[in-house]
Amino acid sequence: MSYQIASAPPLSPATSASMISFLESFYRTSDTESLHDQYVVSFTDDATLIMGSKVAHGSEEIRTLRHGLWTHVASRKHFPERVYFGAERELMLYGTVRYVLKADPGNEVEVPWAGRVVFDEKVEKMRFYQVYLVSFLSFFFLFFLSFFLSFFFLGGWLSFLVVFFDCPSWLSFLVGLVYAVYVCG
């Protein structure tokens, strides 16, 4: 499968094609264990990379984090699906990733993920990248929590988005989660 990422052209900034091309190449690099240096070059020298509870600032910490990501992984393949643009050089995307762990080479695990990317203003490199991996049970719980919040506390407008505009349920979940964090503080 290729690393083609879909987007909605009317909602995309003028620089969207180059950012999408960059990400397609980045995930190919990310899925190749031997390309540690090429992976690090995808970031600015002072970039921040966040993967769950792991935070890396700058090239050397990103390199160390990258090596650590492959410690228990035999193979990995990202399947980025869609990208949504925010500011001119900022986006969020989602997809799935399939892992085979060294401890269990006969078992492939698929996990949904999302990411937030902020590109540098001058060069086509990431200055901020945060990855969100969600287990099925966490996703299931948070989805219903966000649905509950959206229906009872937001007058059902998020549910309306899902039903009337065929908005993806994960987007409703994300908006509900952001609202829950905002309200709960």
C-alpha atoms as a PDB file:
ATOM      1  CA  MET A   1       0.000   0.000   0.000  1.00  0.00           C
ATOM      2  CA  SER A   2       1.229   3.471  -0.800  1.00  0.00           C
ATOM      3  CA  TYR A   3       1.552   6.341   1.616  1.00  0.00           C
ATOM      4  CA  GLN A   4      -1.040   8.531  -0.163  1.00  0.00           C
ATOM      5  CA  ILE A   5      -2.868  10.889   2.177  1.00  0.00           C
ATOM      6  CA  ALA A   6      -6.280  12.340   1.278  1.00  0.00           C
ATOM      7  CA  SER A   7      -7.315  15.926   1.958  1.00  0.00           C
ATOM      8  CA  ALA A   8     -10.121  18.322   1.041  1.00  0.00           C
ATOM      9  CA  PRO A   9      -8.601  20.718  -1.547  1.00  0.00           C
ATOM     10  CA  PRO A  10     -11.065  23.595  -0.960  1.00  0.00           C
ATOM     11  CA  LEU A  11     -10.010  23.661   2.701  1.00  0.00           C
ATOM     12  CA  SER A  12      -6.283  23.255   2.048  1.00  0.00           C
ATOM     13  CA  PRO A  13      -3.719  26.084   2.092  1.00  0.00           C
ATOM     14  CA  ALA A  14      -1.606  26.829  -0.970  1.00  0.00           C
ATOM     15  CA  THR A  15       1.320  24.899   0.531  1.00  0.00           C
ATOM     16  CA  SER A  16      -0.735  21.755   1.202  1.00  0.00           C
ATOM     17  CA  ALA A  17       0.691  19.678  -1.670  1.00  0.00           C
ATOM     18  CA  SER A  18       4.273  20.085  -0.461  1.00  0.00           C
ATOM     19  CA  MET A  19       3.314  19.319   3.153  1.00  0.00           C
ATOM     20  CA  ILE A  20       1.401  16.181   2.137  1.00  0.00           C
ATOM     21  CA  SER A  21       4.297  15.035  -0.055  1.00  0.00           C
ATOM     22  CA  PHE A  22       6.669  15.626   2.864  1.00  0.00           C
ATOM     23  CA  LEU A  23       4.498  13.517   5.190  1.00  0.00           C
ATOM     24  CA  GLU A  24       4.182  10.663   2.686  1.00  0.00           C
ATOM     25  CA  SER A  25       7.979  10.557   2.474  1.00  0.00           C
ATOM     26  CA  PHE A  26       8.318  10.964   6.249  1.00  0.00           C
ATOM     27  CA  TYR A  27       6.165   7.906   7.003  1.00  0.00           C
ATOM     28  CA  ARG A  28       8.151   5.817   4.505  1.00  0.00           C
ATOM     29  CA  THR A  29      11.279   6.889   6.396  1.00  0.00           C
ATOM     30  CA  SER A  30       9.628   6.342   9.775  1.00  0.00           C
ATOM     31  CA  ASP A  31       8.797   2.748   8.824  1.00  0.00           C
ATOM     32  CA  THR A  32      12.389   1.915   7.837  1.00  0.00           C
ATOM     33  CA  GLU A  33      14.473   1.160  10.913  1.00  0.00           C
ATOM     34  CA  SER A  34      17.860   1.905   9.346  1.00  0.00           C
ATOM     35  CA  LEU A  35      16.952   5.495   8.358  1.00  0.00           C
ATOM     36  CA  HIS A  36      17.536   7.135  11.755  1.00  0.00           C
ATOM     37  CA  ASP A  37      19.522  10.067  10.326  1.00  0.00           C
ATOM     38  CA  GLN A  38      16.994  10.738   7.564  1.00  0.00           C
ATOM     39  CA  TYR A  39      14.218  10.664  10.181  1.00  0.00           C
ATOM     40  CA  VAL A  40      16.009  13.254  12.339  1.00  0.00           C
ATOM     41  CA  VAL A  41      16.626  15.510   9.317  1.00  0.00           C
ATOM     42  CA  SER A  42      12.825  15.752   8.909  1.00  0.00           C
ATOM     43  CA  PHE A  43      12.812  18.029  11.984  1.00  0.00           C
ATOM     44  CA  THR A  44      14.296  21.455  12.634  1.00  0.00           C
ATOM     45  CA  ASP A  45      17.321  21.483  14.950  1.00  0.00           C
ATOM     46  CA  ASP A  46      15.199  22.822  17.826  1.00  0.00           C
ATOM     47  CA  ALA A  47      12.050  20.778  17.111  1.00  0.00           C
ATOM     48  CA  THR A  48       9.839  19.133  19.709  1.00  0.00           C
ATOM     49  CA  LEU A  49       8.647  15.548  19.218  1.00  0.00           C
ATOM     50  CA  ILE A  50       6.024  14.097  21.573  1.00  0.00           C
ATOM     51  CA  MET A  51       4.954  10.454  21.484  1.00  0.00           C
ATOM     52  CA  GLY A  52       2.650   9.666  24.363  1.00  0.00           C
ATOM     53  CA  SER A  53       4.591  10.409  27.535  1.00  0.00           C
ATOM     54  CA  LYS A  54       7.928  10.614  25.698  1.00  0.00           C
ATOM     55  CA  VAL A  55       9.122  14.141  24.862  1.00  0.00           C
ATOM     56  CA  ALA A  56      12.220  15.014  22.838  1.00  0.00           C
ATOM     57  CA  HIS A  57      13.619  18.512  22.236  1.00  0.00           C
ATOM     58  CA  GLY A  58      16.242  19.012  19.540  1.00  0.00           C
ATOM     59  CA  SER A  59      17.973  16.695  17.090  1.00  0.00           C
ATOM     60  CA  GLU A  60      19.919  14.560  19.563  1.00  0.00           C
ATOM     61  CA  GLU A  61      16.945  13.841  21.807  1.00  0.00           C
ATOM     62  CA  ILE A  62      14.824  13.060  18.729  1.00  0.00           C
ATOM     63  CA  ARG A  63      17.517  10.629  17.532  1.00  0.00           C
ATOM     64  CA  THR A  64      17.577   8.940  20.962  1.00  0.00           C
ATOM     65  CA  LEU A  65      13.774   8.689  21.013  1.00  0.00           C
ATOM     66  CA  ARG A  66      13.773   7.289  17.481  1.00  0.00           C
ATOM     67  CA  HIS A  67      16.267   4.548  18.431  1.00  0.00           C
ATOM     68  CA  GLY A  68      14.141   3.720  21.461  1.00  0.00           C
ATOM     69  CA  LEU A  69      11.027   3.370  19.309  1.00  0.00           C
ATOM     70  CA  TRP A  70      12.643   0.468  17.454  1.00  0.00           C
ATOM     71  CA  THR A  71      13.912  -1.357  20.564  1.00  0.00           C
ATOM     72  CA  HIS A  72      10.987  -3.777  20.747  1.00  0.00           C
ATOM     73  CA  VAL A  73       9.592  -3.382  17.206  1.00  0.00           C
ATOM     74  CA  ALA A  74      10.509  -5.812  14.405  1.00  0.00           C
ATOM     75  CA  SER A  75       8.513  -3.981  11.724  1.00  0.00           C
ATOM     76  CA  ARG A  76       6.137  -1.072  11.458  1.00  0.00           C
ATOM     77  CA  LYS A  77       3.907   0.288   8.696  1.00  0.00           C
ATOM     78  CA  HIS A  78       1.866   3.496   8.851  1.00  0.00           C
ATOM     79  CA  PHE A  79      -1.348   3.869   6.890  1.00  0.00           C
ATOM     80  CA  PRO A  80      -2.071   7.616   6.954  1.00  0.00           C
ATOM     81  CA  GLU A  81      -5.606   8.250   5.728  1.00  0.00           C
ATOM     82  CA  ARG A  82      -6.575  11.906   5.863  1.00  0.00           C
ATOM     83  CA  VAL A  83      -5.160  15.294   6.755  1.00  0.00           C
ATOM     84  CA  TYR A  84      -6.963  18.380   8.076  1.00  0.00           C
ATOM     85  CA  PHE A  85      -5.340  21.785   7.896  1.00  0.00           C
ATOM     86  CA  GLY A  86      -5.460  24.402  10.627  1.00  0.00           C
ATOM     87  CA  ALA A  87      -3.165  27.380  10.211  1.00  0.00           C
ATOM     88  CA  GLU A  88      -1.096  27.884   7.057  1.00  0.00           C
ATOM     89  CA  ARG A  89       1.708  25.578   8.274  1.00  0.00           C
ATOM     90  CA  GLU A  90      -0.188  23.396  10.753  1.00  0.00           C
ATOM     91  CA  LEU A  91      -2.218  20.233  10.310  1.00  0.00           C
ATOM     92  CA  MET A  92      -3.648  17.169  11.971  1.00  0.00           C
ATOM     93  CA  LEU A  93      -3.841  13.761  10.385  1.00  0.00           C
ATOM     94  CA  TYR A  94      -4.970  10.283  11.305  1.00  0.00           C
ATOM     95  CA  GLY A  95      -4.575   6.703  10.220  1.00  0.00           C
ATOM     96  CA  THR A  96      -3.509   3.345  11.542  1.00  0.00           C
ATOM     97  CA  VAL A  97      -0.137   1.770  12.198  1.00  0.00           C
ATOM     98  CA  ARG A  98       0.642  -1.940  12.109  1.00  0.00           C
ATOM     99  CA  TYR A  99       3.399  -3.307  14.339  1.00  0.00           C
ATOM    100  CA  VAL A 100       5.131  -6.633  14.694  1.00  0.00           C
ATOM    101  CA  LEU A 101       6.958  -6.861  18.002  1.00  0.00           C
ATOM    102  CA  LYS A 102      10.272  -8.699  18.341  1.00  0.00           C
ATOM    103  CA  ALA A 103       8.883 -10.659  21.305  1.00  0.00           C
ATOM    104  CA  ASP A 104       5.899 -11.890  19.250  1.00  0.00           C
ATOM    105  CA  PRO A 105       6.983 -12.139  15.587  1.00  0.00           C
ATOM    106  CA  GLY A 106       3.889 -14.078  14.527  1.00  0.00           C
ATOM    107  CA  ASN A 107       1.433 -11.413  15.664  1.00  0.00           C
ATOM    108  CA  GLU A 108       0.685  -8.146  13.864  1.00  0.00           C
ATOM    109  CA  VAL A 109      -1.049  -5.444  15.916  1.00  0.00           C
ATOM    110  CA  GLU A 110      -2.988  -2.559  14.356  1.00  0.00           C
ATOM    111  CA  VAL A 111      -3.477   0.660  16.322  1.00  0.00           C
ATOM    112  CA  PRO A 112      -5.296   3.880  15.363  1.00  0.00           C
ATOM    113  CA  TRP A 113      -3.226   7.040  15.681  1.00  0.00           C
ATOM    114  CA  ALA A 114      -3.464  10.760  15.054  1.00  0.00           C
ATOM    115  CA  GLY A 115      -0.823  13.426  14.849  1.00  0.00           C
ATOM    116  CA  ARG A 116      -0.419  17.176  15.004  1.00  0.00           C
ATOM    117  CA  VAL A 117       2.301  18.768  12.898  1.00  0.00           C
ATOM    118  CA  VAL A 118       3.578  22.336  12.851  1.00  0.00           C
ATOM    119  CA  PHE A 119       5.965  23.034   9.993  1.00  0.00           C
ATOM    120  CA  ASP A 120       8.742  25.591  10.043  1.00  0.00           C
ATOM    121  CA  GLU A 121       7.900  28.838   8.236  1.00  0.00           C
ATOM    122  CA  LYS A 122      11.053  28.835   6.085  1.00  0.00           C
ATOM    123  CA  VAL A 123      11.994  25.208   5.391  1.00  0.00           C
ATOM    124  CA  GLU A 124       9.912  22.084   4.789  1.00  0.00           C
ATOM    125  CA  LYS A 125      10.703  20.525   8.162  1.00  0.00           C
ATOM    126  CA  MET A 126       8.657  19.858  11.262  1.00  0.00           C
ATOM    127  CA  ARG A 127       9.264  22.094  14.256  1.00  0.00           C
ATOM    128  CA  PHE A 128       6.586  20.320  16.313  1.00  0.00           C
ATOM    129  CA  TYR A 129       5.132  16.830  15.991  1.00  0.00           C
ATOM    130  CA  GLN A 130       2.872  15.121  18.501  1.00  0.00           C
ATOM    131  CA  VAL A 131       1.581  11.585  18.043  1.00  0.00           C
ATOM    132  CA  TYR A 132      -1.560  10.299  19.721  1.00  0.00           C
ATOM    133  CA  LEU A 133      -1.911   6.517  19.967  1.00  0.00           C
ATOM    134  CA  VAL A 134      -5.186   5.272  21.365  1.00  0.00           C
ATOM    135  CA  SER A 135      -5.980   1.763  22.523  1.00  0.00           C
ATOM    136  CA  PHE A 136      -9.392   0.406  21.549  1.00  0.00           C
ATOM    137  CA  LEU A 137     -10.757   0.478  25.103  1.00  0.00           C
ATOM    138  CA  SER A 138      -9.580   4.043  25.650  1.00  0.00           C
ATOM    139  CA  PHE A 139     -11.058   5.099  22.323  1.00  0.00           C
ATOM    140  CA  PHE A 140     -14.361   3.350  23.111  1.00  0.00           C
ATOM    141  CA  PHE A 141     -14.576   5.033  26.537  1.00  0.00           C
ATOM    142  CA  LEU A 142     -13.596   8.478  25.266  1.00  0.00           C
ATOM    143  CA  PHE A 143     -15.929   8.231  22.276  1.00  0.00           C
ATOM    144  CA  PHE A 144     -18.933   7.603  24.513  1.00  0.00           C
ATOM    145  CA  LEU A 145     -17.773  10.241  26.995  1.00  0.00           C
ATOM    146  CA  SER A 146     -17.524  12.818  24.213  1.00  0.00           C
ATOM    147  CA  PHE A 147     -20.905  11.740  22.811  1.00  0.00           C
ATOM    148  CA  PHE A 148     -22.460  12.159  26.264  1.00  0.00           C
ATOM    149  CA  LEU A 149     -20.856  15.583  26.700  1.00  0.00           C
ATOM    150  CA  SER A 150     -21.801  16.726  23.232  1.00  0.00           C
ATOM    151  CA  PHE A 151     -25.416  15.613  23.558  1.00  0.00           C
ATOM    152  CA  PHE A 152     -26.183  16.766  27.084  1.00  0.00           C
ATOM    153  CA  PHE A 153     -23.881  19.750  27.568  1.00  0.00           C
ATOM    154  CA  LEU A 154     -23.594  21.137  24.066  1.00  0.00           C
ATOM    155  CA  GLY A 155     -27.237  20.758  23.107  1.00  0.00           C
ATOM    156  CA  GLY A 156     -26.475  17.884  20.779  1.00  0.00           C
ATOM    157  CA  TRP A 157     -24.675  19.995  18.164  1.00  0.00           C
ATOM    158  CA  LEU A 158     -21.771  17.556  17.871  1.00  0.00           C
ATOM    159  CA  SER A 159     -24.197  14.694  17.357  1.00  0.00           C
ATOM    160  CA  PHE A 160     -25.919  16.878  14.788  1.00  0.00           C
ATOM    161  CA  LEU A 161     -22.585  17.261  12.955  1.00  0.00           C
ATOM    162  CA  VAL A 162     -22.159  13.506  12.809  1.00  0.00           C
ATOM    163  CA  VAL A 163     -25.677  12.774  11.575  1.00  0.00           C
ATOM    164  CA  PHE A 164     -26.512  15.754   9.365  1.00  0.00           C
ATOM    165  CA  PHE A 165     -23.138  16.552   7.795  1.00  0.00           C
ATOM    166  CA  ASP A 166     -21.833  12.976   7.758  1.00  0.00           C
ATOM    167  CA  CYS A 167     -18.979  14.262   9.899  1.00  0.00           C
ATOM    168  CA  PRO A 168     -16.683  11.398  10.962  1.00  0.00           C
ATOM    169  CA  SER A 169     -17.495  10.190  14.450  1.00  0.00           C
ATOM    170  CA  TRP A 170     -13.826  10.471  15.431  1.00  0.00           C
ATOM    171  CA  LEU A 171     -14.016  14.214  14.676  1.00  0.00           C
ATOM    172  CA  SER A 172     -17.019  14.550  16.966  1.00  0.00           C
ATOM    173  CA  PHE A 173     -15.041  12.578  19.535  1.00  0.00           C
ATOM    174  CA  LEU A 174     -12.053  14.910  19.159  1.00  0.00           C
ATOM    175  CA  VAL A 175     -14.149  18.070  19.486  1.00  0.00           C
ATOM    176  CA  GLY A 176     -16.009  16.601  22.472  1.00  0.00           C
ATOM    177  CA  LEU A 177     -12.734  15.635  24.103  1.00  0.00           C
ATOM    178  CA  VAL A 178     -11.310  19.129  23.601  1.00  0.00           C
ATOM    179  CA  TYR A 179     -14.483  20.575  25.086  1.00  0.00           C
ATOM    180  CA  ALA A 180     -14.293  18.174  28.050  1.00  0.00           C
ATOM    181  CA  VAL A 181     -10.691  19.190  28.730  1.00  0.00           C
ATOM    182  CA  TYR A 182     -11.683  22.849  28.431  1.00  0.00           C
ATOM    183  CA  VAL A 183     -14.646  22.508  30.812  1.00  0.00           C
ATOM    184  CA  CYS A 184     -12.909  20.221  33.318  1.00  0.00           C
ATOM    185  CA  GLY A 185      -9.841  22.329  33.207  1.00  0.00           C
END
